[in-house]
Amino acid sequence: FIFNAFILVKIMPSRSLVLAVDDSKAAIASLGWVLEQYLRAGDVLHILHVIPTGASSVYESASLDSQECAFLYQDFFPFLQKKQVVFEAEAIRSGTGADKVGAAICKRASELNAAALFIAKHDKSSLEEIFVGSVTTYCANHARSPLVVLHRD
């Protein structure tokens, strides 16, 4: 029985998992949840940070060395390396607004053939949701991958 379980782990293909992050405590807590509850041997975790700048296309590549990505080196990368997680990090620029950021996240997750997309929900008032929108709501309505919304605020 144990031998069969070992064989199953060996033949299961690796999965691409996408975690959309920002510099919030909710994103850091979400990373911990993904590592503890979802990540398995062989998976590749894609850390995706979207920088809303008014890009004309759905998204454009951005440098991880930019000031907007400094939090990744401080809060995310050391933790992932300590846990020996196989990961890839990527920063992209998108248009401003929840729908543009959400579209960039969904498109990149689709391109990576993500087995799951993880996103931390940030608490907003009803008024903010109406006027500003929500990246989480956009992704819930448009993601092709299964979406896991983490309530970590």
C-alpha atoms as a PDB file:
ATOM      1  CA  PHE A   1       0.000   0.000   0.000  1.00  0.00           C
ATOM      2  CA  ILE A   2       2.755   2.470   0.858  1.00  0.00           C
ATOM      3  CA  PHE A   3       4.618   1.430  -2.268  1.00  0.00           C
ATOM      4  CA  ASN A   4       1.546   2.220  -4.419  1.00  0.00           C
ATOM      5  CA  ALA A   5       1.205   5.661  -2.821  1.00  0.00           C
ATOM      6  CA  PHE A   6       4.850   6.366  -3.640  1.00  0.00           C
ATOM      7  CA  ILE A   7       4.287   5.386  -7.270  1.00  0.00           C
ATOM      8  CA  LEU A   8       1.273   7.716  -7.486  1.00  0.00           C
ATOM      9  CA  VAL A   9       3.335  10.674  -6.315  1.00  0.00           C
ATOM     10  CA  LYS A  10       6.085   9.882  -8.783  1.00  0.00           C
ATOM     11  CA  ILE A  11       3.841   9.657 -11.848  1.00  0.00           C
ATOM     12  CA  MET A  12       1.581  12.615 -11.095  1.00  0.00           C
ATOM     13  CA  PRO A  13       2.478  15.535 -13.351  1.00  0.00           C
ATOM     14  CA  SER A  14       3.642  18.770 -11.831  1.00  0.00           C
ATOM     15  CA  ARG A  15       1.127  21.565 -11.558  1.00  0.00           C
ATOM     16  CA  SER A  16       1.525  25.270 -12.155  1.00  0.00           C
ATOM     17  CA  LEU A  17      -0.024  27.242  -9.329  1.00  0.00           C
ATOM     18  CA  VAL A  18      -0.381  31.019  -9.570  1.00  0.00           C
ATOM     19  CA  LEU A  19      -0.438  33.230  -6.488  1.00  0.00           C
ATOM     20  CA  ALA A  20      -1.243  36.867  -7.264  1.00  0.00           C
ATOM     21  CA  VAL A  21       0.464  39.038  -4.653  1.00  0.00           C
ATOM     22  CA  ASP A  22       0.807  42.604  -3.526  1.00  0.00           C
ATOM     23  CA  ASP A  23       2.604  44.135  -0.568  1.00  0.00           C
ATOM     24  CA  SER A  24      -0.212  43.421   1.907  1.00  0.00           C
ATOM     25  CA  LYS A  25      -0.151  41.203   4.978  1.00  0.00           C
ATOM     26  CA  ALA A  26      -3.042  39.304   3.405  1.00  0.00           C
ATOM     27  CA  ALA A  27      -0.808  38.257   0.496  1.00  0.00           C
ATOM     28  CA  ILE A  28       1.901  37.007   2.865  1.00  0.00           C
ATOM     29  CA  ALA A  29      -0.673  35.044   4.873  1.00  0.00           C
ATOM     30  CA  SER A  30      -2.044  33.615   1.619  1.00  0.00           C
ATOM     31  CA  LEU A  31       1.398  32.363   0.676  1.00  0.00           C
ATOM     32  CA  GLY A  32       1.593  30.485   3.960  1.00  0.00           C
ATOM     33  CA  TRP A  33      -1.827  28.921   3.362  1.00  0.00           C
ATOM     34  CA  VAL A  34      -0.939  27.822  -0.168  1.00  0.00           C
ATOM     35  CA  LEU A  35       2.290  26.202   1.045  1.00  0.00           C
ATOM     36  CA  GLU A  36       0.611  24.415   3.955  1.00  0.00           C
ATOM     37  CA  GLN A  37      -2.661  23.382   2.333  1.00  0.00           C
ATOM     38  CA  TYR A  38      -2.230  23.095  -1.420  1.00  0.00           C
ATOM     39  CA  LEU A  39       1.344  22.814  -2.658  1.00  0.00           C
ATOM     40  CA  ARG A  40       2.615  19.293  -3.256  1.00  0.00           C
ATOM     41  CA  ALA A  41       5.922  17.828  -4.393  1.00  0.00           C
ATOM     42  CA  GLY A  42       6.624  18.643  -8.028  1.00  0.00           C
ATOM     43  CA  ASP A  43       4.433  21.757  -8.183  1.00  0.00           C
ATOM     44  CA  VAL A  44       5.790  25.044  -9.457  1.00  0.00           C
ATOM     45  CA  LEU A  45       4.488  28.109  -7.639  1.00  0.00           C
ATOM     46  CA  HIS A  46       4.280  31.222  -9.811  1.00  0.00           C
ATOM     47  CA  ILE A  47       4.374  34.422  -7.773  1.00  0.00           C
ATOM     48  CA  LEU A  48       2.664  37.108  -9.855  1.00  0.00           C
ATOM     49  CA  HIS A  49       2.747  40.793  -8.989  1.00  0.00           C
ATOM     50  CA  VAL A  50       0.770  43.254 -11.098  1.00  0.00           C
ATOM     51  CA  ILE A  51       1.858  46.886 -11.240  1.00  0.00           C
ATOM     52  CA  PRO A  52      -1.047  49.058 -12.456  1.00  0.00           C
ATOM     53  CA  THR A  53       0.527  51.796 -14.581  1.00  0.00           C
ATOM     54  CA  GLY A  54      -1.785  52.381 -17.491  1.00  0.00           C
ATOM     55  CA  ALA A  55      -0.192  49.900 -19.900  1.00  0.00           C
ATOM     56  CA  SER A  56      -1.921  49.884 -23.269  1.00  0.00           C
ATOM     57  CA  SER A  57      -2.088  46.097 -23.692  1.00  0.00           C
ATOM     58  CA  VAL A  58      -3.615  43.615 -21.234  1.00  0.00           C
ATOM     59  CA  TYR A  59      -0.174  43.354 -19.671  1.00  0.00           C
ATOM     60  CA  GLU A  60       3.498  43.968 -20.314  1.00  0.00           C
ATOM     61  CA  SER A  61       6.509  42.391 -18.624  1.00  0.00           C
ATOM     62  CA  ALA A  62       8.119  44.437 -15.869  1.00  0.00           C
ATOM     63  CA  SER A  63      11.418  44.158 -14.064  1.00  0.00           C
ATOM     64  CA  LEU A  64      11.526  42.463 -10.688  1.00  0.00           C
ATOM     65  CA  ASP A  65      14.274  44.929  -9.813  1.00  0.00           C
ATOM     66  CA  SER A  66      11.869  47.865  -9.795  1.00  0.00           C
ATOM     67  CA  GLN A  67      10.999  49.680  -6.584  1.00  0.00           C
ATOM     68  CA  GLU A  68       7.430  48.327  -6.803  1.00  0.00           C
ATOM     69  CA  CYS A  69       8.808  44.787  -6.359  1.00  0.00           C
ATOM     70  CA  ALA A  70      11.153  45.387  -3.416  1.00  0.00           C
ATOM     71  CA  PHE A  71       8.667  43.749  -1.034  1.00  0.00           C
ATOM     72  CA  LEU A  72       9.072  40.457  -2.920  1.00  0.00           C
ATOM     73  CA  TYR A  73      12.762  40.286  -1.990  1.00  0.00           C
ATOM     74  CA  GLN A  74      12.037  41.205   1.599  1.00  0.00           C
ATOM     75  CA  ASP A  75       8.866  39.237   2.385  1.00  0.00           C
ATOM     76  CA  PHE A  76       8.418  36.437  -0.155  1.00  0.00           C
ATOM     77  CA  PHE A  77      11.669  35.160  -1.654  1.00  0.00           C
ATOM     78  CA  PRO A  78      13.537  34.401   1.612  1.00  0.00           C
ATOM     79  CA  PHE A  79      10.511  32.511   2.954  1.00  0.00           C
ATOM     80  CA  LEU A  80      10.145  30.447  -0.242  1.00  0.00           C
ATOM     81  CA  GLN A  81      13.872  29.674  -0.359  1.00  0.00           C
ATOM     82  CA  LYS A  82      13.890  28.638   3.296  1.00  0.00           C
ATOM     83  CA  LYS A  83      10.996  26.259   2.619  1.00  0.00           C
ATOM     84  CA  GLN A  84      12.811  25.002  -0.541  1.00  0.00           C
ATOM     85  CA  VAL A  85       9.813  25.714  -2.733  1.00  0.00           C
ATOM     86  CA  VAL A  86      10.231  25.578  -6.500  1.00  0.00           C
ATOM     87  CA  PHE A  87       8.954  28.954  -7.623  1.00  0.00           C
ATOM     88  CA  GLU A  88       9.101  31.506 -10.391  1.00  0.00           C
ATOM     89  CA  ALA A  89       8.406  35.167  -9.805  1.00  0.00           C
ATOM     90  CA  GLU A  90       7.115  37.618 -12.338  1.00  0.00           C
ATOM     91  CA  ALA A  91       6.071  41.246 -12.373  1.00  0.00           C
ATOM     92  CA  ILE A  92       3.787  42.602 -15.044  1.00  0.00           C
ATOM     93  CA  ARG A  93       2.379  46.042 -15.787  1.00  0.00           C
ATOM     94  CA  SER A  94      -1.288  46.478 -16.574  1.00  0.00           C
ATOM     95  CA  GLY A  95      -3.806  49.223 -16.979  1.00  0.00           C
ATOM     96  CA  THR A  96      -5.193  50.855 -13.866  1.00  0.00           C
ATOM     97  CA  GLY A  97      -8.442  49.741 -12.306  1.00  0.00           C
ATOM     98  CA  ALA A  98      -9.657  46.449 -10.912  1.00  0.00           C
ATOM     99  CA  ASP A  99     -10.886  45.142 -14.266  1.00  0.00           C
ATOM    100  CA  LYS A 100      -7.525  45.776 -15.969  1.00  0.00           C
ATOM    101  CA  VAL A 101      -5.518  44.223 -13.121  1.00  0.00           C
ATOM    102  CA  GLY A 102      -7.931  41.285 -12.977  1.00  0.00           C
ATOM    103  CA  ALA A 103      -7.679  40.773 -16.738  1.00  0.00           C
ATOM    104  CA  ALA A 104      -3.880  40.704 -16.528  1.00  0.00           C
ATOM    105  CA  ILE A 105      -3.956  38.126 -13.720  1.00  0.00           C
ATOM    106  CA  CYS A 106      -6.475  35.919 -15.520  1.00  0.00           C
ATOM    107  CA  LYS A 107      -4.623  36.086 -18.834  1.00  0.00           C
ATOM    108  CA  ARG A 108      -1.258  35.217 -17.292  1.00  0.00           C
ATOM    109  CA  ALA A 109      -2.759  32.349 -15.263  1.00  0.00           C
ATOM    110  CA  SER A 110      -4.336  31.005 -18.445  1.00  0.00           C
ATOM    111  CA  GLU A 111      -1.024  31.258 -20.333  1.00  0.00           C
ATOM    112  CA  LEU A 112       0.671  29.305 -17.539  1.00  0.00           C
ATOM    113  CA  ASN A 113      -2.092  26.690 -17.700  1.00  0.00           C
ATOM    114  CA  ALA A 114      -2.560  27.167 -13.972  1.00  0.00           C
ATOM    115  CA  ALA A 115      -4.076  24.274 -12.065  1.00  0.00           C
ATOM    116  CA  ALA A 116      -5.294  26.917  -9.607  1.00  0.00           C
ATOM    117  CA  LEU A 117      -5.188  30.678  -9.158  1.00  0.00           C
ATOM    118  CA  PHE A 118      -4.918  32.050  -5.623  1.00  0.00           C
ATOM    119  CA  ILE A 119      -5.768  35.604  -4.677  1.00  0.00           C
ATOM    120  CA  ALA A 120      -6.208  37.358  -1.344  1.00  0.00           C
ATOM    121  CA  LYS A 121      -9.434  39.296  -0.939  1.00  0.00           C
ATOM    122  CA  HIS A 122      -9.066  42.739   0.545  1.00  0.00           C
ATOM    123  CA  ASP A 123     -11.886  44.186   2.555  1.00  0.00           C
ATOM    124  CA  LYS A 124     -13.518  47.097   0.783  1.00  0.00           C
ATOM    125  CA  SER A 125     -16.654  48.953   1.637  1.00  0.00           C
ATOM    126  CA  SER A 126     -19.694  48.457  -0.570  1.00  0.00           C
ATOM    127  CA  LEU A 127     -19.203  51.959  -1.936  1.00  0.00           C
ATOM    128  CA  GLU A 128     -15.597  51.203  -2.901  1.00  0.00           C
ATOM    129  CA  GLU A 129     -16.716  47.996  -4.613  1.00  0.00           C
ATOM    130  CA  ILE A 130     -19.244  49.938  -6.709  1.00  0.00           C
ATOM    131  CA  PHE A 131     -16.914  52.754  -7.787  1.00  0.00           C
ATOM    132  CA  VAL A 132     -13.501  51.109  -7.779  1.00  0.00           C
ATOM    133  CA  GLY A 133     -14.396  47.487  -8.395  1.00  0.00           C
ATOM    134  CA  SER A 134     -12.664  44.395  -7.158  1.00  0.00           C
ATOM    135  CA  VAL A 135      -9.848  42.372  -8.682  1.00  0.00           C
ATOM    136  CA  THR A 136     -11.173  39.328  -6.841  1.00  0.00           C
ATOM    137  CA  THR A 137     -14.664  39.756  -8.300  1.00  0.00           C
ATOM    138  CA  TYR A 138     -13.222  40.182 -11.792  1.00  0.00           C
ATOM    139  CA  CYS A 139     -11.152  37.004 -11.432  1.00  0.00           C
ATOM    140  CA  ALA A 140     -14.130  35.075 -10.027  1.00  0.00           C
ATOM    141  CA  ASN A 141     -16.092  35.927 -13.156  1.00  0.00           C
ATOM    142  CA  HIS A 142     -13.336  35.520 -15.760  1.00  0.00           C
ATOM    143  CA  ALA A 143     -10.630  33.089 -14.603  1.00  0.00           C
ATOM    144  CA  ARG A 144     -10.343  29.905 -16.628  1.00  0.00           C
ATOM    145  CA  SER A 145      -8.461  28.171 -13.818  1.00  0.00           C
ATOM    146  CA  PRO A 146     -10.090  27.215 -10.540  1.00  0.00           C
ATOM    147  CA  LEU A 147      -9.941  30.262  -8.286  1.00  0.00           C
ATOM    148  CA  VAL A 148      -9.200  30.102  -4.571  1.00  0.00           C
ATOM    149  CA  VAL A 149     -10.083  33.327  -2.778  1.00  0.00           C
ATOM    150  CA  LEU A 150      -8.294  33.648   0.531  1.00  0.00           C
ATOM    151  CA  HIS A 151      -9.799  35.862   3.199  1.00  0.00           C
ATOM    152  CA  ARG A 152      -6.739  36.876   5.160  1.00  0.00           C
ATOM    153  CA  ASP A 153      -7.281  40.526   6.195  1.00  0.00           C
END
